[in-house]
Amino acid sequence: MGIDLGVGSIKIVSLSKDGDKVVLDNIGEVKTPQFNKLSEVSRVLKSLVSEMKLSNCQAVVSIPENKIVSRLVLLPPLKDSEIKDALWFEAETFVPFPLDEVSIDYEVISTDEAGRLSVFAIAARNDLIAEYVKLFKNCGIDLVAIEPTSLSLKRLVNQIVVNSVSIMVLDIGKKFSDIISLHNSNISFARSLSVGGESLTRSISVNLGLDMASAEEYKKAYGMKEMELEGKIKNAIMPVFESLSEEVRRAIAMHVESYNKSVDLLILSGGGAKMPGLAEELTKKLGVEVQIMQPFLKIDTTRIVVPIDLNIDGYRFAVAVGSALRALL
């Protein structure tokens, strides 16, 4: 099972393999406890797993990009056994914590004709990893891997998208958004932004004098549709939208500079991805085709009664699906 411990909700997707076909066995979601203590998260997670009747499952959980550090590192020709030591030297230049307090892992992206390596390196604090391990041990869940959101989404994009060389993913969470740049099916960079769905809601609340609950409903109903409510909701959202779209524009420019190749497609995922009018406004602003993530596009979902409409709400489970696919692809 893939588990997404989001700020707003905890999402679980259980998948299995039947021949060449990936099958959806179960799907569930529960609101994340308001006071995000380990004991409370453990209680809610354990209850959800019990309610979904999941047993003997191996779990992969994603760590948000804002909690880890990642970097594409260029290394000289090295043996496999030498890469990790080389990364520890490189880590001093991009890891903002004492190196004895972090763990480093990596994925070799490519090797050029001279044998030089492009390596996607990830560093996470040991106390964070220990917290995740303790949480799943308390829940009696067999945790087999912890990985950043970017790797989960890369795996999913590679499963559902064909014939695109350069893709950008914008995953819009409650408090943070992640930008992930993919080139030839590999991550070229990933970064976290302190702008999320809550930022858009707060902008409506402040500009129109509404409480947060009402502002959230207006955002979901009207979003950036210019003709709705005389464009008042759109106008209230625009300052935050401009900030978000500028970050995406910079990421696209960085991608073009690195690969001399324009971005073919921008994919939106996460809870804020389907705000009315968002995809259209991003297309106009950036001049790039924008689509909403369809994580269940190549998964057989017919074998269970699904509690939600996956065509409408499936995009919110993108990270959980990508994590669950780790052991199946």
Protein backbone atom coordinates (compact mmCIF):
# COMPACT_ATOMS: atom_id res chain seq x y z
CA MET A 1 0.00 0.00 0.00
CA GLY A 2 1.04 3.56 -0.67
CA ILE A 3 0.46 6.04 2.14
CA ASP A 4 0.35 9.82 1.81
CA LEU A 5 0.50 11.50 5.24
CA GLY A 6 -0.84 14.84 4.05
CA VAL A 7 -1.37 17.93 6.19
CA GLY A 8 -5.10 17.89 5.39
CA SER A 9 -5.75 14.15 5.13
CA ILE A 10 -4.11 10.74 5.26
CA LYS A 11 -4.66 8.77 2.04
CA ILE A 12 -4.07 5.05 1.48
CA VAL A 13 -4.13 3.16 -1.82
CA SER A 14 -3.66 -0.62 -1.92
CA LEU A 15 -2.59 -2.12 -5.26
CA SER A 16 -1.68 -5.59 -6.50
CA LYS A 17 -0.56 -7.21 -9.74
CA ASP A 18 -2.62 -9.62 -11.84
CA GLY A 19 -0.41 -10.65 -14.73
CA ASP A 20 0.57 -7.44 -16.50
CA LYS A 21 -2.35 -5.56 -14.98
CA VAL A 22 -2.16 -3.33 -11.89
CA VAL A 23 -5.33 -3.71 -9.81
CA LEU A 24 -6.87 -1.39 -7.21
CA ASP A 25 -7.64 -3.47 -4.11
CA ASN A 26 -8.64 -0.71 -1.71
CA ILE A 27 -8.67 3.03 -1.23
CA GLY A 28 -9.33 5.14 1.86
CA GLU A 29 -8.92 8.57 3.39
CA VAL A 30 -9.22 10.15 6.82
CA LYS A 31 -8.75 13.70 8.04
CA THR A 32 -5.32 14.34 9.56
CA PRO A 33 -5.59 15.10 13.32
CA GLN A 34 -5.61 18.81 14.06
CA PHE A 35 -2.86 18.39 16.63
CA ASN A 36 -0.31 16.52 14.57
CA LYS A 37 1.17 14.47 17.44
CA LEU A 38 2.64 11.04 16.76
CA SER A 39 0.13 9.34 19.08
CA GLU A 40 -2.85 10.99 17.37
CA VAL A 41 -1.62 10.26 13.84
CA SER A 42 -0.91 6.66 14.91
CA ARG A 43 -4.43 6.27 16.29
CA VAL A 44 -6.09 7.67 13.16
CA LEU A 45 -3.84 5.69 10.77
CA LYS A 46 -4.39 2.44 12.66
CA SER A 47 -8.15 3.03 12.61
CA LEU A 48 -8.16 3.66 8.83
CA VAL A 49 -6.11 0.52 8.12
CA SER A 50 -8.51 -1.50 10.30
CA GLU A 51 -11.56 0.02 8.61
CA MET A 52 -10.13 -0.82 5.17
CA LYS A 53 -9.48 -4.40 6.37
CA LEU A 54 -5.87 -4.26 5.19
CA SER A 55 -3.61 -7.02 6.49
CA ASN A 56 -0.27 -8.51 5.44
CA CYS A 57 0.39 -5.43 3.31
CA GLN A 58 3.78 -3.87 2.77
CA ALA A 59 3.73 -0.09 2.93
CA VAL A 60 5.61 2.68 1.16
CA VAL A 61 5.20 6.16 2.62
CA SER A 62 6.13 9.48 1.05
CA ILE A 63 7.98 12.32 2.79
CA PRO A 64 6.98 15.84 1.70
CA GLU A 65 9.64 17.74 -0.26
CA ASN A 66 9.70 20.52 2.36
CA LYS A 67 11.06 18.01 4.91
CA ILE A 68 13.97 16.71 2.82
CA VAL A 69 16.79 18.10 0.67
CA SER A 70 17.37 16.88 -2.87
CA ARG A 71 19.85 17.80 -5.58
CA LEU A 72 20.99 16.55 -8.98
CA VAL A 73 24.73 15.97 -8.51
CA LEU A 74 27.33 15.46 -11.25
CA LEU A 75 30.10 13.00 -10.34
CA PRO A 76 33.21 11.73 -12.16
CA PRO A 77 33.35 8.08 -13.31
CA LEU A 78 32.97 5.94 -10.17
CA LYS A 79 32.25 2.37 -9.14
CA ASP A 80 28.89 1.72 -7.46
CA SER A 81 30.67 1.21 -4.14
CA GLU A 82 32.27 4.67 -4.40
CA ILE A 83 29.18 6.79 -5.14
CA LYS A 84 27.90 7.10 -1.57
CA ASP A 85 31.25 8.29 -0.23
CA ALA A 86 31.48 10.87 -3.03
CA LEU A 87 27.98 12.12 -2.20
CA TRP A 88 28.95 12.70 1.43
CA PHE A 89 31.62 15.14 0.25
CA GLU A 90 29.15 16.86 -2.13
CA ALA A 91 26.48 16.99 0.59
CA GLU A 92 28.41 19.66 2.49
CA THR A 93 27.51 22.09 -0.30
CA PHE A 94 23.73 21.59 -0.24
CA VAL A 95 22.61 19.94 3.04
CA PRO A 96 21.79 22.62 5.67
CA PHE A 97 22.15 20.22 8.64
CA PRO A 98 25.14 18.61 10.34
CA LEU A 99 25.97 15.58 8.20
CA ASP A 100 26.07 13.26 11.21
CA GLU A 101 22.35 14.01 11.68
CA VAL A 102 21.20 12.96 8.18
CA SER A 103 20.90 9.90 5.98
CA ILE A 104 21.63 10.12 2.26
CA ASP A 105 20.28 7.98 -0.55
CA TYR A 106 20.50 8.36 -4.30
CA GLU A 107 19.43 7.22 -7.74
CA VAL A 108 21.80 7.20 -10.74
CA ILE A 109 20.00 9.10 -13.49
CA SER A 110 22.42 8.72 -16.39
CA THR A 111 26.00 8.04 -17.43
CA ASP A 112 27.59 9.99 -20.29
CA GLU A 113 30.10 8.71 -22.85
CA ALA A 114 33.02 9.58 -20.58
CA GLY A 115 31.46 7.63 -17.70
CA ARG A 116 30.47 10.71 -15.69
CA LEU A 117 27.39 10.24 -13.54
CA SER A 118 24.25 12.30 -13.00
CA VAL A 119 22.94 11.32 -9.58
CA PHE A 120 19.71 12.43 -7.89
CA ALA A 121 20.68 12.67 -4.21
CA ILE A 122 18.25 12.87 -1.28
CA ALA A 123 19.09 13.77 2.32
CA ALA A 124 16.69 13.42 5.27
CA ARG A 125 17.20 14.04 8.97
CA ASN A 126 17.65 10.86 11.01
CA ASP A 127 15.16 12.00 13.66
CA LEU A 128 12.48 12.40 10.95
CA ILE A 129 13.15 8.91 9.61
CA ALA A 130 13.03 7.50 13.15
CA GLU A 131 9.68 9.22 13.70
CA TYR A 132 8.21 7.60 10.59
CA VAL A 133 9.59 4.17 11.55
CA LYS A 134 8.13 4.49 15.06
CA LEU A 135 4.74 5.59 13.70
CA PHE A 136 4.38 2.55 11.46
CA LYS A 137 5.72 0.17 14.10
CA ASN A 138 3.05 1.47 16.50
CA CYS A 139 0.42 0.77 13.84
CA GLY A 140 1.71 -2.75 13.14
CA ILE A 141 2.38 -1.85 9.50
CA ASP A 142 5.30 -3.40 7.61
CA LEU A 143 7.10 -0.30 6.33
CA VAL A 144 9.41 -1.25 3.46
CA ALA A 145 10.38 2.17 2.12
CA ILE A 146 10.30 5.89 2.83
CA GLU A 147 10.67 8.10 -0.24
CA PRO A 148 10.17 11.75 -1.21
CA THR A 149 6.99 12.88 -2.93
CA SER A 150 8.99 13.61 -6.09
CA LEU A 151 9.93 9.93 -6.58
CA SER A 152 6.34 8.77 -6.03
CA LEU A 153 5.03 11.25 -8.61
CA LYS A 154 7.83 10.49 -11.08
CA ARG A 155 6.91 6.79 -10.98
CA LEU A 156 3.24 7.59 -11.56
CA VAL A 157 3.89 10.02 -14.41
CA ASN A 158 6.13 7.48 -16.15
CA GLN A 159 3.32 4.92 -15.93
CA ILE A 160 0.56 7.11 -17.38
CA VAL A 161 2.31 9.50 -19.80
CA VAL A 162 3.99 8.39 -23.03
CA ASN A 163 5.92 10.27 -25.72
CA SER A 164 6.74 13.33 -23.61
CA VAL A 165 10.40 14.22 -23.13
CA SER A 166 9.98 17.11 -20.69
CA ILE A 167 7.23 17.25 -18.06
CA MET A 168 6.66 19.49 -15.06
CA VAL A 169 4.47 18.41 -12.12
CA LEU A 170 2.88 20.93 -9.76
CA ASP A 171 1.57 19.15 -6.67
CA ILE A 172 -0.60 21.57 -4.67
CA GLY A 173 -1.03 20.52 -1.05
CA LYS A 174 -2.75 22.28 1.83
CA LYS A 175 0.23 24.30 3.09
CA PHE A 176 2.98 23.58 0.54
CA SER A 177 3.28 22.93 -3.18
CA ASP A 178 5.99 20.91 -4.90
CA ILE A 179 7.44 21.54 -8.37
CA ILE A 180 9.03 18.48 -9.96
CA SER A 181 10.87 18.67 -13.28
CA LEU A 182 11.19 15.46 -15.33
CA HIS A 183 13.38 14.97 -18.39
CA ASN A 184 13.54 11.66 -20.25
CA SER A 185 11.55 10.03 -17.40
CA ASN A 186 14.04 11.12 -14.71
CA ILE A 187 13.92 13.88 -12.10
CA SER A 188 16.09 16.87 -12.94
CA PHE A 189 15.07 18.87 -9.87
CA ALA A 190 12.39 19.11 -7.20
CA ARG A 191 11.61 22.02 -4.90
CA SER A 192 9.01 22.92 -2.31
CA LEU A 193 7.08 26.21 -2.17
CA SER A 194 5.46 27.65 0.95
CA VAL A 195 2.26 28.27 -1.04
CA GLY A 196 -0.65 25.85 -1.02
CA GLY A 197 -4.41 25.58 -1.13
CA GLU A 198 -4.70 27.25 2.27
CA SER A 199 -2.84 30.31 0.92
CA LEU A 200 -5.48 30.71 -1.81
CA THR A 201 -8.29 30.32 0.73
CA ARG A 202 -6.72 32.87 3.08
CA SER A 203 -6.40 35.36 0.21
CA ILE A 204 -10.16 35.12 -0.39
CA SER A 205 -10.84 35.38 3.35
CA VAL A 206 -8.71 38.52 3.79
CA ASN A 207 -9.75 40.30 0.59
CA LEU A 208 -13.48 39.63 0.89
CA GLY A 209 -13.83 39.61 4.67
CA LEU A 210 -15.02 35.99 4.88
CA ASP A 211 -14.27 33.35 7.49
CA MET A 212 -11.93 30.56 6.30
CA ALA A 213 -14.69 27.94 5.99
CA SER A 214 -16.81 30.19 3.72
CA ALA A 215 -13.74 31.27 1.72
CA GLU A 216 -12.87 27.58 1.14
CA GLU A 217 -16.37 26.88 -0.21
CA TYR A 218 -16.23 29.88 -2.56
CA LYS A 219 -12.79 28.77 -3.77
CA LYS A 220 -14.03 25.25 -4.53
CA ALA A 221 -17.19 26.50 -6.23
CA TYR A 222 -15.91 29.42 -8.31
CA GLY A 223 -12.09 29.48 -8.19
CA MET A 224 -10.63 31.54 -11.01
CA LYS A 225 -13.74 31.65 -13.20
CA GLU A 226 -13.91 35.25 -14.40
CA MET A 227 -17.66 35.26 -15.04
CA GLU A 228 -18.60 34.00 -11.56
CA LEU A 229 -19.60 36.56 -8.90
CA GLU A 230 -18.32 39.36 -11.15
CA GLY A 231 -14.83 37.87 -10.90
CA LYS A 232 -14.54 38.78 -7.19
CA ILE A 233 -13.19 35.36 -6.15
CA LYS A 234 -10.70 35.33 -9.01
CA ASN A 235 -9.51 38.86 -8.17
CA ALA A 236 -9.07 37.88 -4.51
CA ILE A 237 -6.98 34.85 -5.51
CA MET A 238 -4.82 36.60 -8.12
CA PRO A 239 -1.95 37.80 -5.86
CA VAL A 240 -1.28 34.24 -4.65
CA PHE A 241 -1.83 32.80 -8.14
CA GLU A 242 0.69 35.27 -9.58
CA SER A 243 3.27 34.21 -7.00
CA LEU A 244 2.65 30.49 -7.68
CA SER A 245 2.70 30.84 -11.46
CA GLU A 246 5.92 32.89 -11.32
CA GLU A 247 7.63 30.07 -9.42
CA VAL A 248 6.47 27.60 -12.08
CA ARG A 249 7.68 29.96 -14.83
CA ARG A 250 11.13 30.11 -13.19
CA ALA A 251 11.22 26.32 -12.93
CA ILE A 252 10.34 26.01 -16.62
CA ALA A 253 13.06 28.53 -17.53
CA MET A 254 15.58 26.54 -15.48
CA HIS A 255 14.53 23.35 -17.27
CA VAL A 256 14.89 25.00 -20.70
CA GLU A 257 18.33 26.36 -19.76
CA SER A 258 19.50 22.92 -18.57
CA TYR A 259 18.24 20.85 -21.50
CA ASN A 260 17.62 23.35 -24.31
CA LYS A 261 14.17 21.81 -24.52
CA SER A 262 10.81 23.40 -23.75
CA VAL A 263 8.40 21.72 -21.32
CA ASP A 264 5.81 19.62 -23.18
CA LEU A 265 3.26 19.32 -20.40
CA LEU A 266 2.45 20.67 -16.93
CA ILE A 267 0.52 18.18 -14.77
CA LEU A 268 -1.41 19.32 -11.70
CA SER A 269 -1.94 17.05 -8.71
CA GLY A 270 -2.75 17.35 -5.01
CA GLY A 271 -5.83 18.72 -3.29
CA GLY A 272 -5.64 22.16 -4.93
CA ALA A 273 -5.23 20.92 -8.51
CA LYS A 274 -8.87 21.06 -9.54
CA MET A 275 -9.73 24.58 -8.44
CA PRO A 276 -12.08 25.87 -11.18
CA GLY A 277 -10.21 27.82 -13.86
CA LEU A 278 -6.71 27.09 -12.49
CA ALA A 279 -5.54 24.91 -15.38
CA GLU A 280 -6.85 27.39 -17.96
CA GLU A 281 -5.20 30.37 -16.24
CA LEU A 282 -1.86 28.55 -16.01
CA THR A 283 -2.05 27.70 -19.72
CA LYS A 284 -2.64 31.36 -20.58
CA LYS A 285 0.08 32.56 -18.23
CA LEU A 286 2.77 30.02 -19.12
CA GLY A 287 1.93 29.01 -22.69
CA VAL A 288 2.19 25.32 -21.74
CA GLU A 289 -0.42 22.56 -22.01
CA VAL A 290 -1.85 21.86 -18.54
CA GLN A 291 -3.63 18.67 -17.47
CA ILE A 292 -5.02 17.31 -14.20
CA MET A 293 -3.32 14.12 -12.98
CA GLN A 294 -5.32 10.94 -13.61
CA PRO A 295 -3.50 8.44 -11.36
CA PHE A 296 -5.88 5.52 -12.02
CA LEU A 297 -5.70 5.84 -15.81
CA LYS A 298 -3.82 2.54 -16.26
CA ILE A 299 -5.12 0.74 -13.16
CA ASP A 300 -8.02 -1.73 -13.11
CA THR A 301 -10.50 -0.16 -10.68
CA THR A 302 -13.46 -2.44 -11.50
CA ARG A 303 -12.87 -5.15 -8.89
CA ILE A 304 -14.07 -3.19 -5.86
CA VAL A 305 -16.85 -0.75 -5.10
CA VAL A 306 -14.96 2.53 -4.91
CA PRO A 307 -16.36 5.03 -2.38
CA ILE A 308 -15.52 8.05 -4.57
CA ASP A 309 -15.69 8.92 -8.27
CA LEU A 310 -12.08 8.39 -9.36
CA ASN A 311 -12.62 10.45 -12.52
CA ILE A 312 -13.53 13.45 -10.37
CA ASP A 313 -11.53 12.98 -7.14
CA GLY A 314 -8.79 10.54 -8.13
CA TYR A 315 -6.18 13.27 -8.63
CA ARG A 316 -5.94 13.78 -4.86
CA PHE A 317 -4.54 10.24 -4.46
CA ALA A 318 -1.64 10.71 -6.90
CA VAL A 319 1.16 10.50 -4.31
CA ALA A 320 -0.36 7.41 -2.62
CA VAL A 321 -0.75 5.66 -5.99
CA GLY A 322 2.83 6.49 -6.99
CA SER A 323 4.14 5.13 -3.69
CA ALA A 324 2.11 1.90 -4.00
CA LEU A 325 3.47 1.35 -7.51
CA ARG A 326 7.04 1.13 -6.14
CA ALA A 327 6.90 -2.65 -5.64
CA LEU A 328 4.80 -3.39 -8.73
CA LEU A 329 6.57 -1.75 -11.67
